Amino acid sequence: MTDRPVADLSFEEAMKELEGVVSQLERGDVALDESIRLYERGAELKKRCEAKLKEAEEKVAAITLDGEGQPAGLKTVEGL
């Protein structure tokens, strides 16, 4: 686990760290205080991953297709 701010992590970095947090919590071999800290970090990482996925979904949804189903451009999507 890193001490980098969650907001600075890419989706891939956040997902990898979240997997590590879940693994540690599932093993159950950490002290209660550490478990709480891990859980809180995991919740932040989950939120970051969800936000990055939503952002990607919005970008994909913004791609317009021509009559043949080929990408023809981007439509304006609020917030992008």
PDB file of N, CA and C in Angstrom:
ATOM      1  N   MET A   1       0.841  -1.182   0.000  1.00  0.00           N
ATOM      2  CA  MET A   1       0.000   0.000   0.000  1.00  0.00           C
ATOM      3  C   MET A   1       0.882   1.240   0.000  1.00  0.00           C
ATOM      4  N   THR A   2       0.480   2.213  -0.796  1.00  0.00           N
ATOM      5  CA  THR A   2       1.254   3.446  -0.862  1.00  0.00           C
ATOM      6  C   THR A   2       0.587   4.526  -0.018  1.00  0.00           C
ATOM      7  N   ASP A   3       1.313   5.583   0.208  1.00  0.00           N
ATOM      8  CA  ASP A   3       0.765   6.726   0.935  1.00  0.00           C
ATOM      9  C   ASP A   3       0.403   7.857  -0.023  1.00  0.00           C
ATOM     10  N   ARG A   4       0.474   7.569  -1.335  1.00  0.00           N
ATOM     11  CA  ARG A   4       0.103   8.590  -2.311  1.00  0.00           C
ATOM     12  C   ARG A   4      -1.372   8.936  -2.172  1.00  0.00           C
ATOM     13  N   PRO A   5      -1.722  10.183  -2.378  1.00  0.00           N
ATOM     14  CA  PRO A   5      -3.135  10.541  -2.350  1.00  0.00           C
ATOM     15  C   PRO A   5      -3.906   9.747  -3.407  1.00  0.00           C
ATOM     16  N   VAL A   6      -5.077   9.258  -3.044  1.00  0.00           N
ATOM     17  CA  VAL A   6      -5.878   8.451  -3.953  1.00  0.00           C
ATOM     18  C   VAL A   6      -6.191   9.223  -5.231  1.00  0.00           C
ATOM     19  N   ALA A   7      -6.415  10.516  -5.111  1.00  0.00           N
ATOM     20  CA  ALA A   7      -6.753  11.343  -6.277  1.00  0.00           C
ATOM     21  C   ALA A   7      -5.628  11.382  -7.309  1.00  0.00           C
ATOM     22  N   ASP A   8      -4.408  11.056  -6.908  1.00  0.00           N
ATOM     23  CA  ASP A   8      -3.271  11.072  -7.832  1.00  0.00           C
ATOM     24  C   ASP A   8      -3.078   9.742  -8.557  1.00  0.00           C
ATOM     25  N   LEU A   9      -3.839   8.716  -8.187  1.00  0.00           N
ATOM     26  CA  LEU A   9      -3.644   7.388  -8.752  1.00  0.00           C
ATOM     27  C   LEU A   9      -4.440   7.212 -10.043  1.00  0.00           C
ATOM     28  N   SER A  10      -3.843   6.514 -10.994  1.00  0.00           N
ATOM     29  CA  SER A  10      -4.573   6.132 -12.202  1.00  0.00           C
ATOM     30  C   SER A  10      -5.554   5.031 -11.827  1.00  0.00           C
ATOM     31  N   PHE A  11      -6.438   4.691 -12.735  1.00  0.00           N
ATOM     32  CA  PHE A  11      -7.381   3.599 -12.473  1.00  0.00           C
ATOM     33  C   PHE A  11      -6.626   2.321 -12.161  1.00  0.00           C
ATOM     34  N   GLU A  12      -5.618   2.026 -12.968  1.00  0.00           N
ATOM     35  CA  GLU A  12      -4.865   0.789 -12.798  1.00  0.00           C
ATOM     36  C   GLU A  12      -4.136   0.738 -11.458  1.00  0.00           C
ATOM     37  N   GLU A  13      -3.544   1.856 -11.071  1.00  0.00           N
ATOM     38  CA  GLU A  13      -2.839   1.917  -9.788  1.00  0.00           C
ATOM     39  C   GLU A  13      -3.816   1.735  -8.619  1.00  0.00           C
ATOM     40  N   ALA A  14      -4.959   2.423  -8.713  1.00  0.00           N
ATOM     41  CA  ALA A  14      -5.950   2.327  -7.648  1.00  0.00           C
ATOM     42  C   ALA A  14      -6.511   0.915  -7.545  1.00  0.00           C
ATOM     43  N   MET A  15      -6.759   0.284  -8.689  1.00  0.00           N
ATOM     44  CA  MET A  15      -7.301  -1.075  -8.683  1.00  0.00           C
ATOM     45  C   MET A  15      -6.297  -2.063  -8.096  1.00  0.00           C
ATOM     46  N   LYS A  16      -5.040  -1.918  -8.466  1.00  0.00           N
ATOM     47  CA  LYS A  16      -4.012  -2.816  -7.941  1.00  0.00           C
ATOM     48  C   LYS A  16      -3.889  -2.662  -6.419  1.00  0.00           C
ATOM     49  N   GLU A  17      -3.884  -1.424  -5.963  1.00  0.00           N
ATOM     50  CA  GLU A  17      -3.775  -1.198  -4.525  1.00  0.00           C
ATOM     51  C   GLU A  17      -5.025  -1.713  -3.803  1.00  0.00           C
ATOM     52  N   LEU A  18      -6.191  -1.513  -4.402  1.00  0.00           N
ATOM     53  CA  LEU A  18      -7.434  -2.007  -3.804  1.00  0.00           C
ATOM     54  C   LEU A  18      -7.406  -3.528  -3.676  1.00  0.00           C
ATOM     55  N   GLU A  19      -6.894  -4.210  -4.685  1.00  0.00           N
ATOM     56  CA  GLU A  19      -6.768  -5.666  -4.620  1.00  0.00           C
ATOM     57  C   GLU A  19      -5.868  -6.081  -3.458  1.00  0.00           C
ATOM     58  N   GLY A  20      -4.793  -5.331  -3.247  1.00  0.00           N
ATOM     59  CA  GLY A  20      -3.896  -5.612  -2.131  1.00  0.00           C
ATOM     60  C   GLY A  20      -4.574  -5.402  -0.782  1.00  0.00           C
ATOM     61  N   VAL A  21      -5.355  -4.344  -0.684  1.00  0.00           N
ATOM     62  CA  VAL A  21      -6.077  -4.046   0.554  1.00  0.00           C
ATOM     63  C   VAL A  21      -7.063  -5.171   0.856  1.00  0.00           C
ATOM     64  N   VAL A  22      -7.816  -5.576  -0.150  1.00  0.00           N
ATOM     65  CA  VAL A  22      -8.798  -6.650   0.040  1.00  0.00           C
ATOM     66  C   VAL A  22      -8.100  -7.934   0.466  1.00  0.00           C
ATOM     67  N   SER A  23      -6.979  -8.225  -0.161  1.00  0.00           N
ATOM     68  CA  SER A  23      -6.227  -9.430   0.184  1.00  0.00           C
ATOM     69  C   SER A  23      -5.785  -9.414   1.648  1.00  0.00           C
ATOM     70  N   GLN A  24      -5.262  -8.275   2.085  1.00  0.00           N
ATOM     71  CA  GLN A  24      -4.825  -8.157   3.483  1.00  0.00           C
ATOM     72  C   GLN A  24      -5.992  -8.315   4.448  1.00  0.00           C
ATOM     73  N   LEU A  25      -7.114  -7.695   4.121  1.00  0.00           N
ATOM     74  CA  LEU A  25      -8.279  -7.778   5.001  1.00  0.00           C
ATOM     75  C   LEU A  25      -8.840  -9.202   5.044  1.00  0.00           C
ATOM     76  N   GLU A  26      -8.815  -9.875   3.896  1.00  0.00           N
ATOM     77  CA  GLU A  26      -9.323 -11.253   3.856  1.00  0.00           C
ATOM     78  C   GLU A  26      -8.453 -12.205   4.666  1.00  0.00           C
ATOM     79  N   ARG A  27      -7.157 -11.968   4.682  1.00  0.00           N
ATOM     80  CA  ARG A  27      -6.256 -12.826   5.457  1.00  0.00           C
ATOM     81  C   ARG A  27      -6.535 -12.698   6.946  1.00  0.00           C
ATOM     82  N   GLY A  28      -6.933 -11.506   7.365  1.00  0.00           N
ATOM     83  CA  GLY A  28      -7.281 -11.284   8.765  1.00  0.00           C
ATOM     84  C   GLY A  28      -6.107 -11.300   9.714  1.00  0.00           C
ATOM     85  N   ASP A  29      -4.907 -11.092   9.205  1.00  0.00           N
ATOM     86  CA  ASP A  29      -3.729 -11.144  10.070  1.00  0.00           C
ATOM     87  C   ASP A  29      -3.173  -9.766  10.421  1.00  0.00           C
ATOM     88  N   VAL A  30      -4.035  -8.749  10.376  1.00  0.00           N
ATOM     89  CA  VAL A  30      -3.597  -7.408  10.749  1.00  0.00           C
ATOM     90  C   VAL A  30      -4.366  -6.961  11.987  1.00  0.00           C
ATOM     91  N   ALA A  31      -3.759  -6.100  12.749  1.00  0.00           N
ATOM     92  CA  ALA A  31      -4.376  -5.582  13.968  1.00  0.00           C
ATOM     93  C   ALA A  31      -5.633  -4.778  13.642  1.00  0.00           C
ATOM     94  N   LEU A  32      -6.484  -4.623  14.613  1.00  0.00           N
ATOM     95  CA  LEU A  32      -7.752  -3.922  14.421  1.00  0.00           C
ATOM     96  C   LEU A  32      -7.557  -2.508  13.884  1.00  0.00           C
ATOM     97  N   ASP A  33      -6.654  -1.742  14.486  1.00  0.00           N
ATOM     98  CA  ASP A  33      -6.418  -0.368  14.020  1.00  0.00           C
ATOM     99  C   ASP A  33      -5.963  -0.347  12.564  1.00  0.00           C
ATOM    100  N   GLU A  34      -5.087  -1.276  12.196  1.00  0.00           N
ATOM    101  CA  GLU A  34      -4.611  -1.369  10.814  1.00  0.00           C
ATOM    102  C   GLU A  34      -5.742  -1.797   9.894  1.00  0.00           C
ATOM    103  N   SER A  35      -6.593  -2.697  10.354  1.00  0.00           N
ATOM    104  CA  SER A  35      -7.744  -3.132   9.556  1.00  0.00           C
ATOM    105  C   SER A  35      -8.664  -1.959   9.252  1.00  0.00           C
ATOM    106  N   ILE A  36      -8.890  -1.121  10.248  1.00  0.00           N
ATOM    107  CA  ILE A  36      -9.743   0.057  10.051  1.00  0.00           C
ATOM    108  C   ILE A  36      -9.114   1.000   9.036  1.00  0.00           C
ATOM    109  N   ARG A  37      -7.818   1.218   9.178  1.00  0.00           N
ATOM    110  CA  ARG A  37      -7.102   2.102   8.230  1.00  0.00           C
ATOM    111  C   ARG A  37      -7.169   1.526   6.815  1.00  0.00           C
ATOM    112  N   LEU A  38      -6.964   0.218   6.696  1.00  0.00           N
ATOM    113  CA  LEU A  38      -7.030  -0.440   5.390  1.00  0.00           C
ATOM    114  C   LEU A  38      -8.432  -0.316   4.785  1.00  0.00           C
ATOM    115  N   TYR A  39      -9.446  -0.529   5.623  1.00  0.00           N
ATOM    116  CA  TYR A  39     -10.821  -0.436   5.154  1.00  0.00           C
ATOM    117  C   TYR A  39     -11.113   0.974   4.629  1.00  0.00           C
ATOM    118  N   GLU A  40     -10.688   1.990   5.363  1.00  0.00           N
ATOM    119  CA  GLU A  40     -10.918   3.372   4.946  1.00  0.00           C
ATOM    120  C   GLU A  40     -10.200   3.675   3.634  1.00  0.00           C
ATOM    121  N   ARG A  41      -8.953   3.203   3.519  1.00  0.00           N
ATOM    122  CA  ARG A  41      -8.196   3.406   2.273  1.00  0.00           C
ATOM    123  C   ARG A  41      -8.886   2.665   1.132  1.00  0.00           C
ATOM    124  N   GLY A  42      -9.339   1.456   1.408  1.00  0.00           N
ATOM    125  CA  GLY A  42     -10.038   0.677   0.392  1.00  0.00           C
ATOM    126  C   GLY A  42     -11.295   1.366  -0.100  1.00  0.00           C
ATOM    127  N   ALA A  43     -12.040   1.985   0.806  1.00  0.00           N
ATOM    128  CA  ALA A  43     -13.251   2.711   0.419  1.00  0.00           C
ATOM    129  C   ALA A  43     -12.904   3.879  -0.495  1.00  0.00           C
ATOM    130  N   GLU A  44     -11.821   4.586  -0.193  1.00  0.00           N
ATOM    131  CA  GLU A  44     -11.373   5.697  -1.051  1.00  0.00           C
ATOM    132  C   GLU A  44     -10.946   5.175  -2.424  1.00  0.00           C
ATOM    133  N   LEU A  45     -10.217   4.066  -2.437  1.00  0.00           N
ATOM    134  CA  LEU A  45      -9.756   3.481  -3.700  1.00  0.00           C
ATOM    135  C   LEU A  45     -10.936   3.026  -4.549  1.00  0.00           C
ATOM    136  N   LYS A  46     -11.930   2.413  -3.927  1.00  0.00           N
ATOM    137  CA  LYS A  46     -13.129   1.965  -4.646  1.00  0.00           C
ATOM    138  C   LYS A  46     -13.824   3.157  -5.284  1.00  0.00           C
ATOM    139  N   LYS A  47     -13.963   4.229  -4.533  1.00  0.00           N
ATOM    140  CA  LYS A  47     -14.604   5.437  -5.046  1.00  0.00           C
ATOM    141  C   LYS A  47     -13.830   5.991  -6.235  1.00  0.00           C
ATOM    142  N   ARG A  48     -12.504   5.993  -6.153  1.00  0.00           N
ATOM    143  CA  ARG A  48     -11.659   6.488  -7.249  1.00  0.00           C
ATOM    144  C   ARG A  48     -11.851   5.630  -8.494  1.00  0.00           C
ATOM    145  N   CYS A  49     -11.851   4.305  -8.320  1.00  0.00           N
ATOM    146  CA  CYS A  49     -12.039   3.400  -9.461  1.00  0.00           C
ATOM    147  C   CYS A  49     -13.402   3.618 -10.114  1.00  0.00           C
ATOM    148  N   GLU A  50     -14.440   3.755  -9.303  1.00  0.00           N
ATOM    149  CA  GLU A  50     -15.774   3.998  -9.840  1.00  0.00           C
ATOM    150  C   GLU A  50     -15.840   5.301 -10.618  1.00  0.00           C
ATOM    151  N   ALA A  51     -15.201   6.340 -10.105  1.00  0.00           N
ATOM    152  CA  ALA A  51     -15.205   7.639 -10.787  1.00  0.00           C
ATOM    153  C   ALA A  51     -14.475   7.553 -12.125  1.00  0.00           C
ATOM    154  N   LYS A  52     -13.327   6.865 -12.141  1.00  0.00           N
ATOM    155  CA  LYS A  52     -12.566   6.736 -13.391  1.00  0.00           C
ATOM    156  C   LYS A  52     -13.336   5.902 -14.412  1.00  0.00           C
ATOM    157  N   LEU A  53     -14.037   4.856 -13.964  1.00  0.00           N
ATOM    158  CA  LEU A  53     -14.854   4.050 -14.876  1.00  0.00           C
ATOM    159  C   LEU A  53     -16.006   4.872 -15.448  1.00  0.00           C
ATOM    160  N   LYS A  54     -16.648   5.662 -14.607  1.00  0.00           N
ATOM    161  CA  LYS A  54     -17.752   6.506 -15.077  1.00  0.00           C
ATOM    162  C   LYS A  54     -17.244   7.506 -16.116  1.00  0.00           C
ATOM    163  N   GLU A  55     -16.093   8.069 -15.848  1.00  0.00           N
ATOM    164  CA  GLU A  55     -15.485   9.016 -16.783  1.00  0.00           C
ATOM    165  C   GLU A  55     -15.231   8.344 -18.132  1.00  0.00           C
ATOM    166  N   ALA A  56     -14.700   7.129 -18.104  1.00  0.00           N
ATOM    167  CA  ALA A  56     -14.433   6.395 -19.342  1.00  0.00           C
ATOM    168  C   ALA A  56     -15.732   6.053 -20.067  1.00  0.00           C
ATOM    169  N   GLU A  57     -16.759   5.637 -19.326  1.00  0.00           N
ATOM    170  CA  GLU A  57     -18.047   5.319 -19.930  1.00  0.00           C
ATOM    171  C   GLU A  57     -18.646   6.533 -20.618  1.00  0.00           C
ATOM    172  N   GLU A  58     -18.514   7.691 -20.002  1.00  0.00           N
ATOM    173  CA  GLU A  58     -19.038   8.915 -20.595  1.00  0.00           C
ATOM    174  C   GLU A  58     -18.306   9.261 -21.880  1.00  0.00           C
ATOM    175  N   LYS A  59     -16.999   9.024 -21.900  1.00  0.00           N
ATOM    176  CA  LYS A  59     -16.230   9.298 -23.119  1.00  0.00           C
ATOM    177  C   LYS A  59     -16.636   8.352 -24.236  1.00  0.00           C
ATOM    178  N   VAL A  60     -16.849   7.084 -23.910  1.00  0.00           N
ATOM    179  CA  VAL A  60     -17.276   6.114 -24.923  1.00  0.00           C
ATOM    180  C   VAL A  60     -18.672   6.476 -25.421  1.00  0.00           C
ATOM    181  N   ALA A  61     -19.550   6.869 -24.516  1.00  0.00           N
ATOM    182  CA  ALA A  61     -20.909   7.241 -24.893  1.00  0.00           C
ATOM    183  C   ALA A  61     -20.924   8.467 -25.797  1.00  0.00           C
ATOM    184  N   ALA A  62     -19.887   9.275 -25.734  1.00  0.00           N
ATOM    185  CA  ALA A  62     -19.824  10.498 -26.521  1.00  0.00           C
ATOM    186  C   ALA A  62     -19.402  10.239 -27.968  1.00  0.00           C
ATOM    187  N   ILE A  63     -18.939   9.035 -28.262  1.00  0.00           N
ATOM    188  CA  ILE A  63     -18.517   8.719 -29.632  1.00  0.00           C
ATOM    189  C   ILE A  63     -19.756   8.506 -30.481  1.00  0.00           C
ATOM    190  N   THR A  64     -19.841   9.240 -31.607  1.00  0.00           N
ATOM    191  CA  THR A  64     -20.967   9.068 -32.516  1.00  0.00           C
ATOM    192  C   THR A  64     -20.546   8.158 -33.661  1.00  0.00           C
ATOM    193  N   LEU A  65     -21.526   7.410 -34.178  1.00  0.00           N
ATOM    194  CA  LEU A  65     -21.269   6.487 -35.277  1.00  0.00           C
ATOM    195  C   LEU A  65     -21.977   6.980 -36.530  1.00  0.00           C
ATOM    196  N   ASP A  66     -21.370   6.693 -37.704  1.00  0.00           N
ATOM    197  CA  ASP A  66     -22.021   7.039 -38.965  1.00  0.00           C
ATOM    198  C   ASP A  66     -23.012   5.934 -39.345  1.00  0.00           C
ATOM    199  N   GLY A  67     -23.593   6.020 -40.506  1.00  0.00           N
ATOM    200  CA  GLY A  67     -24.587   5.054 -40.955  1.00  0.00           C
ATOM    201  C   GLY A  67     -24.065   3.642 -41.076  1.00  0.00           C
ATOM    202  N   GLU A  68     -22.758   3.485 -41.200  1.00  0.00           N
ATOM    203  CA  GLU A  68     -22.154   2.156 -41.323  1.00  0.00           C
ATOM    204  C   GLU A  68     -21.611   1.644 -39.994  1.00  0.00           C
ATOM    205  N   GLY A  69     -21.866   2.368 -38.935  1.00  0.00           N
ATOM    206  CA  GLY A  69     -21.413   1.941 -37.620  1.00  0.00           C
ATOM    207  C   GLY A  69     -19.966   2.290 -37.311  1.00  0.00           C
ATOM    208  N   GLN A  70     -19.372   3.150 -38.116  1.00  0.00           N
ATOM    209  CA  GLN A  70     -17.989   3.560 -37.907  1.00  0.00           C
ATOM    210  C   GLN A  70     -17.954   4.848 -37.085  1.00  0.00           C
ATOM    211  N   PRO A  71     -16.936   5.002 -36.237  1.00  0.00           N
ATOM    212  CA  PRO A  71     -16.827   6.242 -35.460  1.00  0.00           C
ATOM    213  C   PRO A  71     -16.755   7.447 -36.385  1.00  0.00           C
ATOM    214  N   ALA A  72     -17.618   8.422 -36.140  1.00  0.00           N
ATOM    215  CA  ALA A  72     -17.688   9.595 -37.012  1.00  0.00           C
ATOM    216  C   ALA A  72     -17.313  10.878 -36.274  1.00  0.00           C
ATOM    217  N   GLY A  73     -17.193  10.827 -35.005  1.00  0.00           N
ATOM    218  CA  GLY A  73     -16.860  12.040 -34.245  1.00  0.00           C
ATOM    219  C   GLY A  73     -17.319  11.903 -32.823  1.00  0.00           C
ATOM    220  N   LEU A  74     -17.332  13.029 -32.148  1.00  0.00           N
ATOM    221  CA  LEU A  74     -17.737  13.061 -30.749  1.00  0.00           C
ATOM    222  C   LEU A  74     -18.887  14.031 -30.590  1.00  0.00           C
ATOM    223  N   LYS A  75     -19.854  13.652 -29.770  1.00  0.00           N
ATOM    224  CA  LYS A  75     -20.903  14.598 -29.430  1.00  0.00           C
ATOM    225  C   LYS A  75     -20.512  15.258 -28.113  1.00  0.00           C
ATOM    226  N   THR A  76     -21.019  16.414 -27.892  1.00  0.00           N
ATOM    227  CA  THR A  76     -20.721  17.125 -26.669  1.00  0.00           C
ATOM    228  C   THR A  76     -21.413  16.451 -25.508  1.00  0.00           C
ATOM    229  N   VAL A  77     -20.642  16.156 -24.463  1.00  0.00           N
ATOM    230  CA  VAL A  77     -21.206  15.567 -23.258  1.00  0.00           C
ATOM    231  C   VAL A  77     -20.858  16.491 -22.113  1.00  0.00           C
ATOM    232  N   GLU A  78     -21.868  16.886 -21.373  1.00  0.00           N
ATOM    233  CA  GLU A  78     -21.676  17.792 -20.229  1.00  0.00           C
ATOM    234  C   GLU A  78     -20.592  17.253 -19.290  1.00  0.00           C
ATOM    235  N   GLY A  79     -19.626  18.082 -18.922  1.00  0.00           N
ATOM    236  CA  GLY A  79     -18.613  17.695 -17.944  1.00  0.00           C
ATOM    237  C   GLY A  79     -17.351  17.098 -18.546  1.00  0.00           C
ATOM    238  N   LEU A  80     -17.304  16.897 -19.836  1.00  0.00           N
ATOM    239  CA  LEU A  80     -16.071  16.335 -20.434  1.00  0.00           C
ATOM    240  C   LEU A  80     -15.202  17.417 -21.006  1.00  0.00           C
TER     241      LEU A  80
END
